Protein backbone atom coordinates (compact mmCIF):
# COMPACT_ATOMS: atom_id res chain seq x y z
CA UNK A 1 18.61 -68.90 28.98
CA UNK A 2 21.30 -66.42 27.92
CA UNK A 3 19.02 -64.96 25.22
CA UNK A 4 16.14 -64.57 27.65
CA UNK A 5 18.53 -63.00 30.15
CA UNK A 6 19.77 -60.45 27.62
CA UNK A 7 16.34 -59.58 26.28
CA UNK A 8 14.48 -59.04 29.51
CA UNK A 9 16.88 -58.63 32.39
CA UNK A 10 19.84 -56.63 31.16
CA UNK A 11 18.11 -53.88 29.23
CA UNK A 12 16.76 -50.94 31.16
CA UNK A 13 13.68 -50.56 28.97
CA UNK A 14 11.98 -53.86 29.84
CA UNK A 15 8.31 -53.27 30.51
CA UNK A 16 6.55 -54.46 33.64
CA UNK A 17 4.77 -57.10 31.57
CA UNK A 18 8.07 -58.37 30.11
CA UNK A 19 9.71 -58.58 33.55
CA UNK A 20 6.69 -60.21 35.16
CA UNK A 21 6.20 -62.75 32.37
CA UNK A 22 9.89 -63.62 32.21
CA UNK A 23 10.48 -64.06 35.91
CA UNK A 24 7.19 -65.98 36.27
CA UNK A 25 8.03 -68.28 33.37
CA UNK A 26 11.45 -69.08 34.80
CA UNK A 27 9.83 -69.82 38.17
CA UNK A 28 7.32 -72.20 36.55
CA UNK A 29 10.15 -73.99 34.72
CA UNK A 30 12.05 -74.40 37.99
CA UNK A 31 8.94 -75.78 39.66
CA UNK A 32 8.52 -78.35 36.88
CA UNK A 33 12.22 -79.24 36.66
CA UNK A 34 12.92 -80.03 40.29
CA UNK A 35 16.53 -80.72 41.19
CA UNK A 36 17.60 -80.50 37.53
CA UNK A 37 17.98 -76.73 38.09
CA UNK A 38 20.74 -77.14 40.70
CA UNK A 39 23.50 -76.38 38.14
CA UNK A 40 21.81 -73.03 37.43
CA UNK A 41 21.33 -72.04 41.06
CA UNK A 42 24.22 -69.55 41.18
CA UNK A 43 22.72 -67.58 38.30
CA UNK A 44 19.06 -67.89 39.26
CA UNK A 45 19.24 -67.05 42.95
CA UNK A 46 20.64 -63.51 42.49
CA UNK A 47 18.18 -62.94 39.64
CA UNK A 48 15.18 -63.65 41.86
CA UNK A 49 16.65 -61.59 44.71
CA UNK A 50 17.03 -58.64 42.35
CA UNK A 51 13.41 -58.79 41.24
CA UNK A 52 12.04 -59.19 44.76
CA UNK A 53 12.99 -55.50 45.07
CA UNK A 54 11.17 -54.51 41.85
CA UNK A 55 8.83 -51.53 42.13
CA UNK A 56 5.94 -53.50 40.61
CA UNK A 57 4.02 -55.83 42.93
CA UNK A 58 3.38 -58.48 40.27
CA UNK A 59 7.06 -58.71 39.34
CA UNK A 60 7.96 -58.90 43.02
CA UNK A 61 5.33 -61.58 43.65
CA UNK A 62 6.63 -63.70 40.76
CA UNK A 63 10.17 -63.34 42.08
CA UNK A 64 9.10 -64.49 45.55
CA UNK A 65 7.35 -67.46 43.94
CA UNK A 66 10.58 -68.20 42.05
CA UNK A 67 12.60 -68.13 45.27
CA UNK A 68 10.15 -70.58 46.78
CA UNK A 69 10.54 -72.87 43.77
CA UNK A 70 14.32 -72.65 44.11
CA UNK A 71 14.11 -73.53 47.79
CA UNK A 72 11.88 -76.50 47.05
CA UNK A 73 14.07 -77.73 44.19
CA UNK A 74 17.54 -76.92 45.47
CA UNK A 75 17.08 -76.60 49.24
CA UNK A 76 20.26 -78.23 50.49
CA UNK A 77 22.36 -76.48 47.86
CA UNK A 78 21.25 -73.01 49.00
CA UNK A 79 23.09 -73.36 52.29
CA UNK A 80 26.44 -74.30 50.77
């Protein structure tokens, strides 16, 4: 995940397509992984919150989907 993070989320030149694909892919992985993503919650939650504010609607939509997947997979851990 660190390589994906560096490539798409830390550089300022990421295209809309790169951001949308990356955030959407991570969301799909969370959805498929269920509670196995709990150890990554502290890194993933702020990531999705950041991209909810993205100027592009598709990126924002994928980030909202990712937050929903986090809630479904890690629900009780989000309130701690």
